[in-house]
Protein backbone atom coordinates (compact mmCIF):
# COMPACT_ATOMS: atom_id res chain seq x y z
CA MET A 1 116.92 -63.81 208.26
CA GLU A 2 119.31 -61.38 206.52
CA ARG A 3 122.22 -62.80 204.55
CA ASN A 4 125.68 -61.23 204.82
CA ILE A 5 127.09 -62.49 201.55
CA PHE A 6 130.34 -60.58 202.13
CA GLY A 7 131.24 -62.50 205.26
CA GLU A 8 130.14 -65.73 203.64
CA LEU A 9 132.49 -65.28 200.70
CA ASP A 10 135.39 -64.15 202.89
CA ARG A 11 135.05 -67.27 205.01
CA LYS A 12 134.92 -69.51 201.92
CA ALA A 13 137.96 -67.81 200.42
CA GLY A 14 139.85 -67.78 203.70
CA LEU A 15 140.55 -64.07 203.32
CA GLY A 16 139.81 -63.05 206.89
CA GLU A 17 141.41 -59.75 207.84
CA ASN A 18 143.32 -59.55 204.56
CA ALA A 19 140.10 -58.97 202.62
CA ALA A 20 139.30 -55.52 201.32
CA VAL A 21 136.66 -53.92 203.52
CA PRO A 22 134.55 -50.85 202.80
CA ALA A 23 134.62 -47.64 204.74
CA GLU A 24 131.41 -48.64 206.49
CA THR A 25 129.43 -51.82 207.05
CA PRO A 26 128.33 -53.24 203.68
CA VAL A 27 124.69 -52.76 202.79
CA VAL A 28 122.85 -56.05 203.28
CA VAL A 29 120.14 -57.04 200.82
CA SER A 30 117.50 -58.78 202.94
CA ASP A 31 115.87 -62.10 202.13
CA SER A 32 112.60 -60.19 201.81
CA VAL A 33 114.02 -58.00 199.05
CA ILE A 34 115.53 -61.02 197.31
CA ARG A 35 112.10 -62.70 197.27
CA LYS A 36 110.50 -59.59 195.78
CA LEU A 37 113.23 -59.30 193.13
CA ARG A 38 112.54 -62.89 192.12
CA LEU A 39 108.86 -62.13 191.78
CA ILE A 40 109.72 -59.29 189.38
CA VAL A 41 112.18 -61.08 187.08
CA GLY A 42 112.02 -64.79 187.94
CA ASP A 43 114.30 -66.95 190.07
CA GLU A 44 116.80 -67.55 187.26
CA ASN A 45 117.40 -63.81 186.87
CA VAL A 46 118.42 -63.08 190.46
CA LEU A 47 121.92 -64.02 191.62
CA CYS A 48 122.77 -63.89 195.30
CA GLU A 49 125.03 -66.83 196.08
CA ALA A 50 128.71 -66.13 196.74
CA ALA A 51 129.98 -68.17 193.79
CA GLN A 52 127.53 -66.45 191.41
CA LEU A 53 128.49 -62.97 192.58
CA LEU A 54 132.21 -63.50 192.02
CA VAL A 55 131.65 -62.78 188.31
CA TYR A 56 130.46 -59.28 189.25
CA GLU A 57 133.06 -58.33 191.86
CA CYS A 58 134.92 -55.96 189.51
CA ASP A 59 135.15 -54.68 185.96
CA ALA A 60 138.33 -54.70 183.85
CA TYR A 61 140.02 -52.62 186.56
CA THR A 62 140.87 -55.66 188.65
CA LEU A 63 142.94 -54.08 191.42
CA GLU A 64 139.86 -53.34 193.52
CA LYS A 65 137.06 -55.81 194.06
CA ARG A 66 133.79 -55.80 195.97
CA LEU A 67 130.74 -58.03 195.82
CA PRO A 68 127.24 -56.67 195.24
CA GLY A 69 124.56 -57.95 197.59
CA ALA A 70 122.55 -59.23 194.63
CA VAL A 71 122.68 -59.11 190.83
CA VAL A 72 119.44 -58.79 188.88
CA LEU A 73 119.15 -59.51 185.15
CA PRO A 74 116.00 -57.79 183.84
CA GLN A 75 114.71 -58.18 180.29
CA THR A 76 112.38 -55.18 179.97
CA THR A 77 112.28 -51.53 180.96
CA ASP A 78 109.21 -52.23 183.11
CA GLU A 79 111.19 -54.80 185.09
CA VAL A 80 114.02 -52.31 185.55
CA ALA A 81 111.58 -49.68 186.84
CA ARG A 82 110.03 -52.13 189.33
CA ILE A 83 113.48 -53.19 190.58
CA VAL A 84 114.53 -49.57 191.03
CA LYS A 85 111.32 -48.72 192.92
CA LEU A 86 111.90 -51.65 195.24
CA CYS A 87 115.46 -50.46 195.89
CA ALA A 88 114.19 -46.93 196.57
CA GLU A 89 111.66 -48.22 199.08
CA ASN A 90 114.43 -50.08 200.89
CA ASN A 91 117.07 -47.34 200.54
CA LEU A 92 119.43 -49.67 198.68
CA PRO A 93 122.30 -48.60 196.43
CA VAL A 94 121.86 -49.45 192.73
CA ILE A 95 124.81 -50.20 190.47
CA PRO A 96 124.04 -50.26 186.71
CA ARG A 97 126.28 -52.62 184.74
CA GLY A 98 126.78 -53.63 181.14
CA ALA A 99 129.41 -56.14 180.05
CA GLY A 100 131.92 -55.09 182.70
CA THR A 101 134.60 -54.03 180.19
CA SER A 102 135.06 -50.60 181.79
CA LEU A 103 138.62 -49.95 182.97
CA SER A 104 138.31 -47.63 185.97
CA GLY A 105 136.16 -49.47 188.51
CA THR A 106 133.04 -47.74 187.23
CA VAL A 107 130.74 -50.61 188.24
CA LEU A 108 132.38 -51.58 191.54
CA ALA A 109 129.79 -52.18 194.26
CA VAL A 110 131.80 -50.29 196.88
CA THR A 111 129.36 -50.89 199.73
CA GLY A 112 127.25 -53.63 198.19
CA GLY A 113 123.68 -53.05 197.09
CA VAL A 114 121.75 -54.29 194.06
CA MET A 115 123.53 -54.51 190.73
CA ILE A 116 121.27 -54.28 187.66
CA ALA A 117 123.00 -55.94 184.72
CA VAL A 118 121.38 -55.15 181.37
CA THR A 119 123.07 -57.89 179.35
CA ARG A 120 119.77 -59.74 178.77
CA MET A 121 118.19 -56.60 177.33
CA ASN A 122 119.99 -57.26 174.07
CA GLN A 123 117.55 -56.68 171.21
CA ILE A 124 118.04 -54.40 168.22
CA VAL A 125 114.43 -53.20 168.34
CA ASN A 126 114.34 -51.69 164.86
CA VAL A 127 116.48 -50.04 162.22
CA ASP A 128 115.17 -46.96 160.40
CA TYR A 129 117.26 -47.11 157.22
CA PRO A 130 115.81 -44.02 155.47
CA ASN A 131 116.58 -41.85 158.51
CA ARG A 132 119.80 -43.68 159.35
CA ARG A 133 119.07 -44.55 162.93
CA ALA A 134 118.51 -47.61 165.09
CA LEU A 135 116.65 -48.22 168.34
CA VAL A 136 118.48 -50.73 170.54
CA GLU A 137 118.28 -52.04 174.07
CA ALA A 138 121.07 -51.16 176.49
CA GLY A 139 122.61 -54.65 176.49
CA VAL A 140 123.20 -54.77 172.74
CA VAL A 141 126.88 -55.30 171.96
CA ASN A 142 128.50 -52.45 170.06
CA ALA A 143 129.74 -54.57 167.13
CA TRP A 144 126.32 -56.13 166.55
CA ILE A 145 124.96 -52.85 165.23
CA THR A 146 127.45 -52.37 162.41
CA ASN A 147 127.18 -56.07 161.57
CA ARG A 148 123.41 -55.65 161.27
CA VAL A 149 123.46 -52.61 158.98
CA LYS A 150 126.63 -53.00 156.89
CA GLY A 151 124.67 -54.71 154.12
CA GLU A 152 122.91 -51.38 153.59
CA GLY A 153 126.19 -49.45 153.47
CA LEU A 154 125.85 -48.06 157.02
CA LEU A 155 127.79 -48.33 160.27
CA TYR A 156 127.77 -47.21 163.90
CA ALA A 157 130.92 -45.10 164.19
CA PRO A 158 132.15 -45.33 167.82
CA ASP A 159 134.42 -48.39 167.94
CA PRO A 160 136.08 -49.04 171.32
CA SER A 161 138.75 -51.73 171.37
CA SER A 162 136.28 -53.80 173.42
CA GLN A 163 133.77 -53.45 170.56
CA PRO A 164 133.07 -57.21 170.27
CA ALA A 165 132.00 -57.32 173.95
CA CYS A 166 131.04 -53.88 175.31
CA THR A 167 127.40 -52.83 175.44
CA ILE A 168 125.80 -49.64 174.21
CA GLY A 169 124.45 -48.87 177.69
CA GLY A 170 127.97 -49.03 179.06
CA ASN A 171 129.25 -46.88 176.17
CA VAL A 172 126.69 -44.23 177.14
CA GLY A 173 127.81 -44.39 180.77
CA THR A 174 131.45 -43.58 180.01
CA ASN A 175 131.04 -41.74 176.66
CA SER A 176 133.28 -44.32 175.01
CA GLY A 177 135.57 -43.53 172.11
CA GLY A 178 137.78 -45.69 169.91
CA PRO A 179 140.28 -45.38 167.07
CA HIS A 180 137.88 -43.89 164.52
CA THR A 181 136.48 -41.19 166.80
CA LEU A 182 139.30 -38.90 165.66
CA LYS A 183 137.17 -38.14 162.62
CA TYR A 184 133.69 -39.25 163.63
CA GLY A 185 133.45 -38.26 167.30
CA VAL A 186 132.74 -40.18 170.50
CA THR A 187 129.53 -41.79 171.75
CA THR A 188 127.71 -38.54 172.55
CA ASN A 189 127.98 -37.50 168.89
CA HIS A 190 126.03 -40.59 167.82
CA ILE A 191 123.28 -40.84 170.45
CA LEU A 192 120.06 -39.09 169.44
CA GLY A 193 118.06 -39.96 172.53
CA PHE A 194 117.41 -42.64 175.12
CA GLU A 195 114.98 -44.05 177.62
CA MET A 196 116.10 -43.95 181.24
CA VAL A 197 114.77 -45.14 184.58
CA LEU A 198 115.32 -42.51 187.25
CA PRO A 199 116.35 -43.46 190.81
CA ASP A 200 112.72 -43.27 191.98
CA GLY A 201 111.59 -45.71 189.27
CA GLN A 202 110.11 -43.12 186.92
CA ILE A 203 110.66 -43.83 183.20
CA ILE A 204 111.62 -40.84 181.05
CA TRP A 205 112.90 -40.22 177.52
CA LEU A 206 115.62 -37.63 176.84
CA GLY A 207 116.51 -36.26 173.40
CA THR A 208 114.99 -37.24 170.08
CA GLU A 209 112.22 -39.83 170.42
CA PRO A 210 112.20 -42.90 168.15
CA ASP A 211 109.25 -41.67 166.10
CA GLY A 212 110.02 -37.98 166.43
CA GLY A 213 112.07 -35.38 164.65
CA GLU A 214 114.48 -33.02 166.32
CA PRO A 215 114.32 -32.76 170.15
CA LEU A 216 112.47 -29.89 171.82
CA GLU A 217 114.44 -26.76 172.62
CA GLY A 218 115.92 -26.50 176.09
CA TYR A 219 118.75 -27.88 178.14
CA ASP A 220 120.57 -30.85 176.62
CA LEU A 221 119.88 -33.30 179.42
CA ARG A 222 120.67 -36.10 177.00
CA GLY A 223 124.21 -34.79 176.74
CA ALA A 224 124.48 -34.30 180.51
CA VAL A 225 123.63 -37.94 181.20
CA ILE A 226 126.09 -39.36 178.66
CA GLY A 227 129.35 -39.89 180.51
CA SER A 228 127.75 -39.65 183.97
CA GLU A 229 128.84 -43.22 184.75
CA GLY A 230 125.42 -44.48 185.80
CA MET A 231 124.92 -41.92 188.58
CA PHE A 232 121.82 -40.27 187.07
CA GLY A 233 119.77 -43.40 186.38
CA ILE A 234 119.89 -46.52 184.25
CA VAL A 235 119.57 -46.25 180.48
CA THR A 236 117.40 -48.99 178.96
CA ARG A 237 116.84 -48.15 175.27
CA ILE A 238 118.94 -45.94 173.00
CA LEU A 239 118.27 -44.27 169.65
CA LEU A 240 121.52 -44.32 167.68
CA ARG A 241 122.70 -42.31 164.73
CA LEU A 242 124.02 -44.40 161.86
CA VAL A 243 126.44 -43.02 159.26
CA ARG A 244 127.14 -43.92 155.68
CA ALA A 245 130.10 -46.29 155.40
CA PRO A 246 133.00 -44.70 153.49
CA GLU A 247 133.25 -45.54 149.79
CA GLY A 248 136.92 -46.35 150.10
CA TYR A 249 139.86 -46.70 152.49
CA LYS A 250 143.59 -46.22 152.34
CA THR A 251 145.13 -47.90 155.36
CA MET A 252 148.87 -47.43 155.88
CA LEU A 253 151.42 -48.67 158.37
CA GLY A 254 154.37 -46.36 158.96
CA VAL A 255 157.52 -47.92 160.44
CA PHE A 256 159.66 -45.51 162.50
CA GLU A 257 162.90 -45.76 164.42
CA SER A 258 161.55 -43.68 167.31
CA VAL A 259 158.35 -42.60 169.03
CA ASP A 260 159.47 -38.98 168.55
CA ASP A 261 159.51 -39.33 164.76
CA ALA A 262 156.11 -41.04 164.72
CA SER A 263 154.66 -38.36 167.05
CA GLN A 264 155.95 -35.56 164.83
CA THR A 265 154.33 -37.30 161.87
CA VAL A 266 150.97 -37.22 163.65
CA SER A 267 151.25 -33.47 164.20
CA ASP A 268 152.36 -32.86 160.62
CA ILE A 269 149.47 -34.87 159.13
CA ILE A 270 146.91 -32.88 161.11
CA GLY A 271 148.80 -29.66 160.39
CA ALA A 272 148.51 -30.37 156.67
CA GLY A 273 144.74 -30.25 156.97
CA ILE A 274 144.30 -34.00 156.65
CA VAL A 275 141.85 -35.61 159.08
CA PRO A 276 142.30 -39.37 158.91
CA GLY A 277 139.64 -41.76 160.05
CA ALA A 278 142.19 -43.03 162.55
CA LEU A 279 145.76 -42.34 163.67
CA GLU A 280 147.04 -45.05 166.03
CA MET A 281 150.51 -45.58 167.44
CA MET A 282 152.19 -48.64 168.95
CA ASP A 283 155.64 -48.69 170.52
CA GLN A 284 158.19 -51.48 170.21
CA LEU A 285 157.22 -53.50 173.27
CA ILE A 286 153.52 -53.72 172.44
CA THR A 287 154.37 -54.42 168.78
CA GLN A 288 156.50 -57.39 169.80
CA ALA A 289 153.68 -58.80 171.94
CA ILE A 290 151.11 -58.37 169.16
CA GLU A 291 153.37 -59.97 166.57
CA GLU A 292 154.03 -62.98 168.79
CA ALA A 293 150.29 -63.40 169.31
CA TYR A 294 148.90 -62.74 165.82
CA HIS A 295 151.82 -63.03 163.35
CA PHE A 296 150.83 -60.09 161.15
CA GLY A 297 154.37 -59.39 159.99
CA PHE A 298 155.18 -56.33 162.11
CA PRO A 299 158.90 -55.41 162.20
CA LEU A 300 160.11 -56.27 165.70
CA ASP A 301 163.01 -53.81 165.74
CA ALA A 302 160.95 -50.68 164.96
CA GLY A 303 160.80 -48.03 167.65
CA ALA A 304 157.19 -47.19 166.79
CA LEU A 305 154.49 -48.10 164.30
CA LEU A 306 151.85 -45.65 163.10
CA ILE A 307 148.54 -46.79 161.61
CA VAL A 308 147.05 -44.10 159.36
CA GLU A 309 143.64 -44.78 157.87
CA LEU A 310 142.12 -42.40 155.35
CA ASP A 311 138.52 -42.89 154.32
CA GLY A 312 135.89 -41.22 152.18
CA LEU A 313 135.16 -40.95 148.49
CA ASN A 314 137.55 -42.89 146.30
CA ALA A 315 138.23 -39.76 144.27
CA GLY A 316 141.10 -38.01 145.99
CA LEU A 317 142.09 -40.80 148.40
CA THR A 318 145.16 -41.78 146.39
CA ALA A 319 146.48 -38.24 146.28
CA GLN A 320 145.86 -37.81 150.00
CA ALA A 321 147.64 -41.07 150.74
CA GLU A 322 150.63 -39.94 148.72
CA GLU A 323 150.77 -36.79 150.85
CA VAL A 324 150.67 -38.84 154.05
CA ILE A 325 153.46 -41.10 152.78
CA ALA A 326 155.57 -38.04 151.95
CA ILE A 327 155.04 -36.68 155.49
CA CYS A 328 156.03 -40.04 156.98
CA LYS A 329 159.22 -40.14 154.92
CA LYS A 330 160.05 -36.56 155.83
CA ASN A 331 160.01 -37.70 159.44
CA HIS A 332 162.43 -40.56 158.75
CA ALA A 333 159.97 -43.42 158.29
CA ARG A 334 161.89 -46.55 157.39
CA GLU A 335 158.99 -47.71 155.22
CA VAL A 336 155.28 -47.14 154.70
CA ARG A 337 153.13 -50.15 153.86
CA THR A 338 149.65 -49.85 152.37
CA ALA A 339 147.02 -52.55 152.93
CA LYS A 340 146.58 -54.35 149.62
CA SER A 341 143.12 -55.76 150.32
CA GLU A 342 140.14 -55.43 152.63
CA GLN A 343 141.29 -58.60 154.38
CA GLU A 344 144.72 -57.15 155.06
CA ARG A 345 143.11 -53.99 156.42
CA ALA A 346 140.81 -56.06 158.65
CA ASP A 347 143.75 -58.12 159.92
CA LEU A 348 145.70 -54.98 160.80
CA TRP A 349 142.80 -53.58 162.80
CA LYS A 350 142.24 -56.93 164.48
CA CYS A 351 145.81 -56.82 165.73
CA ARG A 352 145.45 -53.25 166.98
CA LYS A 353 142.18 -53.87 168.79
CA ARG A 354 143.44 -57.06 170.40
CA ALA A 355 146.59 -55.40 171.69
CA PHE A 356 145.51 -55.52 175.32
CA GLY A 357 144.87 -59.24 175.06
CA ALA A 358 148.38 -59.83 173.76
CA ILE A 359 149.82 -58.40 176.98
CA GLY A 360 149.25 -61.76 178.67
CA ARG A 361 152.36 -62.94 176.82
CA LEU A 362 154.43 -60.30 178.61
CA SER A 363 153.01 -60.13 182.10
CA PRO A 364 150.48 -61.82 184.41
CA SER A 365 148.89 -58.45 185.24
CA TYR A 366 148.71 -54.95 183.82
CA LEU A 367 147.18 -51.60 184.68
CA THR A 368 145.76 -49.59 181.77
CA GLN A 369 145.87 -45.81 181.97
CA ASP A 370 143.83 -43.38 179.89
CA GLY A 371 145.37 -39.92 179.90
CA VAL A 372 145.10 -37.19 177.29
CA VAL A 373 147.70 -34.62 176.24
CA PRO A 374 147.84 -32.10 173.39
CA ARG A 375 149.19 -33.81 170.26
CA SER A 376 152.27 -31.58 170.36
CA LYS A 377 153.10 -33.01 173.79
CA LEU A 378 153.13 -36.66 172.71
CA PRO A 379 156.94 -36.91 172.51
CA GLU A 380 157.25 -35.34 175.96
CA ILE A 381 154.72 -37.65 177.63
CA MET A 382 156.31 -40.70 175.95
CA ARG A 383 159.72 -39.70 177.33
CA PHE A 384 158.15 -39.18 180.75
CA ILE A 385 156.52 -42.62 180.65
CA GLN A 386 159.91 -44.15 179.86
CA SER A 387 161.44 -42.35 182.84
CA VAL A 388 158.64 -43.67 185.07
CA SER A 389 159.28 -47.17 183.73
CA THR A 390 162.96 -46.86 184.64
CA LYS A 391 162.20 -45.34 188.05
CA TYR A 392 159.92 -48.16 189.16
CA GLY A 393 161.57 -51.00 187.27
CA LEU A 394 158.33 -51.88 185.46
CA ARG A 395 157.88 -52.31 181.72
CA ILE A 396 155.30 -49.94 180.19
CA PRO A 397 154.31 -50.66 176.56
CA ASN A 398 152.19 -48.04 174.81
CA VAL A 399 149.34 -48.28 172.31
CA PHE A 400 147.19 -45.21 171.86
CA HIS A 401 144.96 -42.91 169.85
CA ALA A 402 147.75 -40.62 168.69
CA GLY A 403 145.48 -38.46 166.56
CA ASP A 404 143.72 -36.97 169.57
CA GLY A 405 146.49 -37.39 172.14
CA ASN A 406 144.67 -40.14 174.07
CA ILE A 407 147.42 -42.34 175.54
CA HIS A 408 147.06 -45.86 176.92
CA PRO A 409 150.26 -46.85 178.73
CA LEU A 410 150.00 -50.43 180.02
CA ILE A 411 151.91 -50.82 183.28
CA LEU A 412 153.07 -54.43 183.59
CA PHE A 413 153.35 -56.07 187.01
CA ASP A 414 152.72 -59.26 188.93
CA ASP A 415 149.79 -58.90 191.33
CA ARG A 416 151.23 -61.73 193.42
CA GLU A 417 154.09 -59.39 194.36
CA PRO A 418 152.86 -56.69 196.80
CA ASP A 419 155.76 -54.38 196.03
CA GLN A 420 155.02 -54.49 192.30
CA VAL A 421 151.34 -53.74 192.89
CA GLN A 422 152.19 -50.63 194.84
CA LYS A 423 154.75 -49.50 192.27
CA ALA A 424 152.25 -49.99 189.43
CA VAL A 425 149.70 -47.76 191.16
CA GLN A 426 152.29 -45.09 191.90
CA ALA A 427 153.57 -45.19 188.32
CA GLY A 428 150.04 -44.72 186.99
CA GLU A 429 149.44 -41.78 189.29
CA GLU A 430 152.64 -40.08 188.14
CA ILE A 431 151.73 -40.52 184.48
CA LEU A 432 148.22 -39.10 184.96
CA GLY A 433 149.62 -36.23 187.00
CA LYS A 434 151.97 -35.37 184.14
CA CYS A 435 149.04 -35.40 181.69
CA VAL A 436 147.31 -32.73 183.77
CA GLU A 437 150.55 -30.75 184.04
CA LEU A 438 150.89 -30.77 180.24
CA GLY A 439 147.41 -29.29 179.81
CA GLY A 440 145.58 -32.55 179.26
CA SER A 441 143.12 -34.75 181.12
CA VAL A 442 143.16 -37.89 183.28
CA THR A 443 140.66 -39.64 181.02
CA GLY A 444 139.71 -39.61 177.37
CA GLU A 445 137.25 -42.50 177.27
CA HIS A 446 137.57 -44.83 180.27
CA GLY A 447 135.92 -42.55 182.82
CA ILE A 448 136.79 -41.73 186.44
CA GLY A 449 135.08 -44.52 188.37
CA ILE A 450 136.90 -45.18 191.63
CA GLU A 451 140.38 -45.24 190.14
CA LYS A 452 140.79 -41.52 189.41
CA ILE A 453 138.67 -39.84 192.09
CA ASP A 454 141.70 -38.12 193.65
CA PHE A 455 142.56 -36.47 190.33
CA MET A 456 139.23 -34.68 189.98
CA ALA A 457 140.27 -31.99 192.46
CA ARG A 458 143.52 -31.52 190.53
CA GLN A 459 141.78 -31.11 187.19
CA PHE A 460 138.69 -29.10 188.26
CA SER A 461 138.09 -26.24 190.63
CA ALA A 462 135.98 -26.70 193.76
CA GLU A 463 133.28 -24.52 192.19
CA THR A 464 133.14 -26.67 189.06
CA LEU A 465 132.90 -29.86 191.13
CA ASP A 466 130.10 -28.32 193.20
CA VAL A 467 128.13 -27.64 190.00
CA MET A 468 128.69 -31.22 188.82
CA MET A 469 127.47 -32.63 192.12
CA ALA A 470 124.47 -30.30 192.14
CA LEU A 471 123.46 -31.60 188.72
CA ARG A 472 123.83 -35.15 189.99
CA ARG A 473 121.45 -34.35 192.90
CA VAL A 474 118.79 -33.16 190.43
CA PHE A 475 118.58 -36.72 189.09
CA ASP A 476 119.49 -38.61 192.26
CA PRO A 477 118.93 -36.56 195.44
CA ASP A 478 119.93 -39.43 197.73
CA ALA A 479 123.06 -40.39 195.78
CA ARG A 480 122.01 -44.05 195.69
CA PHE A 481 122.78 -44.67 192.01
CA ASN A 482 126.31 -45.95 191.50
CA PRO A 483 127.49 -44.31 194.73
CA HIS A 484 131.06 -43.56 195.79
CA LYS A 485 132.30 -42.81 192.28
CA MET A 486 133.93 -39.89 190.49
CA PHE A 487 133.80 -37.12 193.13
CA PRO A 488 136.38 -36.27 195.80
CA GLY A 489 135.05 -37.19 199.22
CA ALA A 490 133.17 -40.20 197.89
CA LYS A 491 133.49 -43.18 200.20
CA ARG A 492 136.08 -45.57 198.90
CA CYS A 493 137.27 -48.87 200.25
CA ASN A 494 138.99 -48.24 203.59
CA GLU A 495 141.75 -50.65 202.68
CA PHE A 496 141.92 -51.45 198.98
CA ILE A 497 143.19 -54.90 198.26
CA LEU A 498 146.29 -53.48 196.64
CA LYS A 499 147.21 -51.71 199.88
CA LYS A 500 146.48 -54.84 201.88
CA ARG A 501 148.78 -56.82 199.60
CA ALA A 502 151.48 -54.18 199.83
CA ALA A 503 151.38 -54.32 203.62
CA ALA A 504 151.20 -58.11 203.82
């Protein structure tokens, strides 16, 4: 007997016709397949009951939800390969998943299928200190790596705000960034190679091998896979590049009356030839939420705060910091504070990285955007965001990677109010559209997923999209791996829950 877990959950939840439904009948994972999955990984590592699957119905983009037919929790690459082969034999979609911290619906099971969650593949296999690299499994949490190697004066540079929870496999899928990637680069700059299971179950290694030197000459397939959002296969082990931790830091907090002044400071710092480790900006509304939550001592009446962190050799840091302070004051900074201790620096960064969590004090729901504009356009996009906030009557605090123009407006709304849901979506679309108009991009680090599919045709030509899809077919001819993502024309939910709520 085949189980339709979708109907079962809808009946239990009483959703009926108000439930989101896919564009076609959901793929059903048969009892026969479930039994075979259990033989591969054990009963305790296969989830197929409605209550169990609720945990996996969405990622951090919570507006759209869909249940997988089954979730499998393998612990080895061999188990992953056997699961994938079984899915291929039964023509089932496969959705790779890490910790579920992605913010664009990247791991939504649009039409069901088998979700492979790598969170139990969480071993740091080995650390090669002389060559500054580490071999880790895909479910290893980002922060664990730096914690493991900091005693040897090393770190893993990419540091997303979800660093205490997100997994390296997920970071590879979306080419994650973070505050310190202004100077050190994003995930692709720190991945030497990785093991991957292809959609037919074949295990391959791309890039530098763990015991090898430089990769063989040829196409950089390693680079092509990073950022492909799980559509080429499922990454199981990754060889990371470690970097030497800076000898010293100078971490400053600039207090400005306006976002314009803080934005001009960002441009002037870069224009002076200074490349900070990080340049982060917070506007007044997000600052007030963070201060209420964490009590750091942020001034609540400031129009904008700018975190500037310089790092490197101690020699020269003081002089560089003095130059940054002078630039801040030239742009009307009310004051510039310098962290007096490592603890104060750590507390400041804790507040910045927990900014999204503090939003719960302002609103029951929020929608996080991830646009990019040229640094010189930051004042213009901030003014536009304010106009969108006024137009839709929704508050939009901002916290973002100012150094590389990667904005994160947080659109606040109540998802119990259908009209607010619709307005939040429309506001986000207008902001992303303006980013493209200003010569930027609709994503800097969160990916496309299902959220931004419609923008791909606005940002790329039809010919470019054709090439992207052709490359995808090389790895996955049947488009079974993480289907219905990224590309225009991909099947999306026929009636997303947000539209259902708006029409209710």
